């Protein structure tokens, strides 16, 4: 079974003022990293564009699965 968490994207800045996306888990699930994932944006992305990207992801992603999901149909490999 693959666990799933709701997520929230926020924007952060590096020490050099470069924006990046920070992903927070909203549910407690096994195997989620202690330090949430961060996503680098293309060079030249400003804070306004980073905020727009974070808002888009928050509106269009329902959840995150830190483990690969398995097919729910057909034959499953034996463990």
C-alpha atoms as a PDB file:
ATOM      1  CA  UNK A   1       0.000   0.000   0.000  1.00  0.00           C
ATOM      2  CA  UNK A   2       1.260   3.445  -0.857  1.00  0.00           C
ATOM      3  CA  UNK A   3       0.721   6.193   1.719  1.00  0.00           C
ATOM      4  CA  UNK A   4      -0.432   9.602   0.596  1.00  0.00           C
ATOM      5  CA  UNK A   5      -0.302  13.043   2.170  1.00  0.00           C
ATOM      6  CA  UNK A   6      -1.845  16.346   1.301  1.00  0.00           C
ATOM      7  CA  UNK A   7       0.850  18.901   0.575  1.00  0.00           C
ATOM      8  CA  UNK A   8       1.300  22.648   0.645  1.00  0.00           C
ATOM      9  CA  UNK A   9       3.851  24.514  -1.427  1.00  0.00           C
ATOM     10  CA  UNK A  10       5.387  27.706  -0.111  1.00  0.00           C
ATOM     11  CA  UNK A  11       8.227  29.811  -1.429  1.00  0.00           C
ATOM     12  CA  UNK A  12      11.531  30.364   0.299  1.00  0.00           C
ATOM     13  CA  UNK A  13      14.728  32.203  -0.631  1.00  0.00           C
ATOM     14  CA  UNK A  14      18.320  31.070  -0.597  1.00  0.00           C
ATOM     15  CA  UNK A  15      20.935  33.289   1.061  1.00  0.00           C
ATOM     16  CA  UNK A  16      21.534  34.788  -2.381  1.00  0.00           C
ATOM     17  CA  UNK A  17      17.857  35.783  -2.737  1.00  0.00           C
ATOM     18  CA  UNK A  18      17.008  33.033  -5.243  1.00  0.00           C
ATOM     19  CA  UNK A  19      13.441  31.746  -4.765  1.00  0.00           C
ATOM     20  CA  UNK A  20      12.657  28.041  -4.520  1.00  0.00           C
ATOM     21  CA  UNK A  21       9.593  25.946  -3.708  1.00  0.00           C
ATOM     22  CA  UNK A  22       9.280  24.226  -0.351  1.00  0.00           C
ATOM     23  CA  UNK A  23       6.833  21.297  -0.010  1.00  0.00           C
ATOM     24  CA  UNK A  24       5.246  20.652   3.381  1.00  0.00           C
ATOM     25  CA  UNK A  25       3.352  17.453   4.265  1.00  0.00           C
ATOM     26  CA  UNK A  26      -0.008  18.128   5.888  1.00  0.00           C
ATOM     27  CA  UNK A  27      -0.488  14.534   7.090  1.00  0.00           C
ATOM     28  CA  UNK A  28       1.765  12.248   9.103  1.00  0.00           C
ATOM     29  CA  UNK A  29       2.932   9.357   6.925  1.00  0.00           C
ATOM     30  CA  UNK A  30       5.832   6.919   7.114  1.00  0.00           C
ATOM     31  CA  UNK A  31       8.941   7.537   5.002  1.00  0.00           C
ATOM     32  CA  UNK A  32       8.352  11.251   4.522  1.00  0.00           C
ATOM     33  CA  UNK A  33      11.709  12.989   4.860  1.00  0.00           C
ATOM     34  CA  UNK A  34      12.355  14.968   8.038  1.00  0.00           C
ATOM     35  CA  UNK A  35      13.463  17.884   5.867  1.00  0.00           C
ATOM     36  CA  UNK A  36      10.728  18.502   3.287  1.00  0.00           C
ATOM     37  CA  UNK A  37      11.657  18.435  -0.391  1.00  0.00           C
ATOM     38  CA  UNK A  38      12.672  21.662  -2.103  1.00  0.00           C
ATOM     39  CA  UNK A  39      12.373  22.378  -5.801  1.00  0.00           C
ATOM     40  CA  UNK A  40      14.706  24.693  -7.679  1.00  0.00           C
ATOM     41  CA  UNK A  41      13.134  27.015 -10.216  1.00  0.00           C
ATOM     42  CA  UNK A  42      14.596  28.075 -13.558  1.00  0.00           C
ATOM     43  CA  UNK A  43      17.283  30.777 -13.395  1.00  0.00           C
ATOM     44  CA  UNK A  44      15.793  34.256 -13.413  1.00  0.00           C
ATOM     45  CA  UNK A  45      12.513  33.287 -11.713  1.00  0.00           C
ATOM     46  CA  UNK A  46      11.425  36.161  -9.465  1.00  0.00           C
ATOM     47  CA  UNK A  47       9.420  35.939  -6.232  1.00  0.00           C
ATOM     48  CA  UNK A  48       6.152  36.894  -7.938  1.00  0.00           C
ATOM     49  CA  UNK A  49       6.524  34.076 -10.486  1.00  0.00           C
ATOM     50  CA  UNK A  50       7.556  31.638  -7.729  1.00  0.00           C
ATOM     51  CA  UNK A  51       4.415  32.571  -5.762  1.00  0.00           C
ATOM     52  CA  UNK A  52       2.303  32.009  -8.898  1.00  0.00           C
ATOM     53  CA  UNK A  53       3.847  28.535  -9.381  1.00  0.00           C
ATOM     54  CA  UNK A  54       3.248  27.610  -5.713  1.00  0.00           C
ATOM     55  CA  UNK A  55      -0.381  28.752  -5.922  1.00  0.00           C
ATOM     56  CA  UNK A  56      -0.893  26.743  -9.116  1.00  0.00           C
ATOM     57  CA  UNK A  57       0.510  23.579  -7.508  1.00  0.00           C
ATOM     58  CA  UNK A  58      -1.577  24.074  -4.355  1.00  0.00           C
ATOM     59  CA  UNK A  59      -4.726  24.357  -6.465  1.00  0.00           C
ATOM     60  CA  UNK A  60      -3.948  21.434  -8.778  1.00  0.00           C
ATOM     61  CA  UNK A  61      -2.205  18.725  -6.718  1.00  0.00           C
ATOM     62  CA  UNK A  62      -4.313  16.594  -4.391  1.00  0.00           C
ATOM     63  CA  UNK A  63      -1.490  14.704  -2.706  1.00  0.00           C
ATOM     64  CA  UNK A  64       1.997  13.253  -2.715  1.00  0.00           C
ATOM     65  CA  UNK A  65       3.105   9.600  -2.449  1.00  0.00           C
ATOM     66  CA  UNK A  66       6.688   9.258  -1.191  1.00  0.00           C
ATOM     67  CA  UNK A  67       6.744   5.574  -2.142  1.00  0.00           C
ATOM     68  CA  UNK A  68       6.080   4.174  -5.607  1.00  0.00           C
ATOM     69  CA  UNK A  69       2.497   3.071  -5.994  1.00  0.00           C
ATOM     70  CA  UNK A  70       1.678  -0.443  -7.073  1.00  0.00           C
ATOM     71  CA  UNK A  71      -0.853  -1.346  -9.700  1.00  0.00           C
ATOM     72  CA  UNK A  72      -4.226  -2.207  -8.215  1.00  0.00           C
ATOM     73  CA  UNK A  73      -5.273  -4.460 -11.084  1.00  0.00           C
ATOM     74  CA  UNK A  74      -3.875  -7.634 -12.597  1.00  0.00           C
ATOM     75  CA  UNK A  75      -1.391  -9.948 -10.949  1.00  0.00           C
ATOM     76  CA  UNK A  76       0.896  -8.645  -8.231  1.00  0.00           C
ATOM     77  CA  UNK A  77       4.443  -9.963  -7.971  1.00  0.00           C
ATOM     78  CA  UNK A  78       5.064 -12.314  -5.050  1.00  0.00           C
ATOM     79  CA  UNK A  79       7.267 -11.022  -2.269  1.00  0.00           C
END
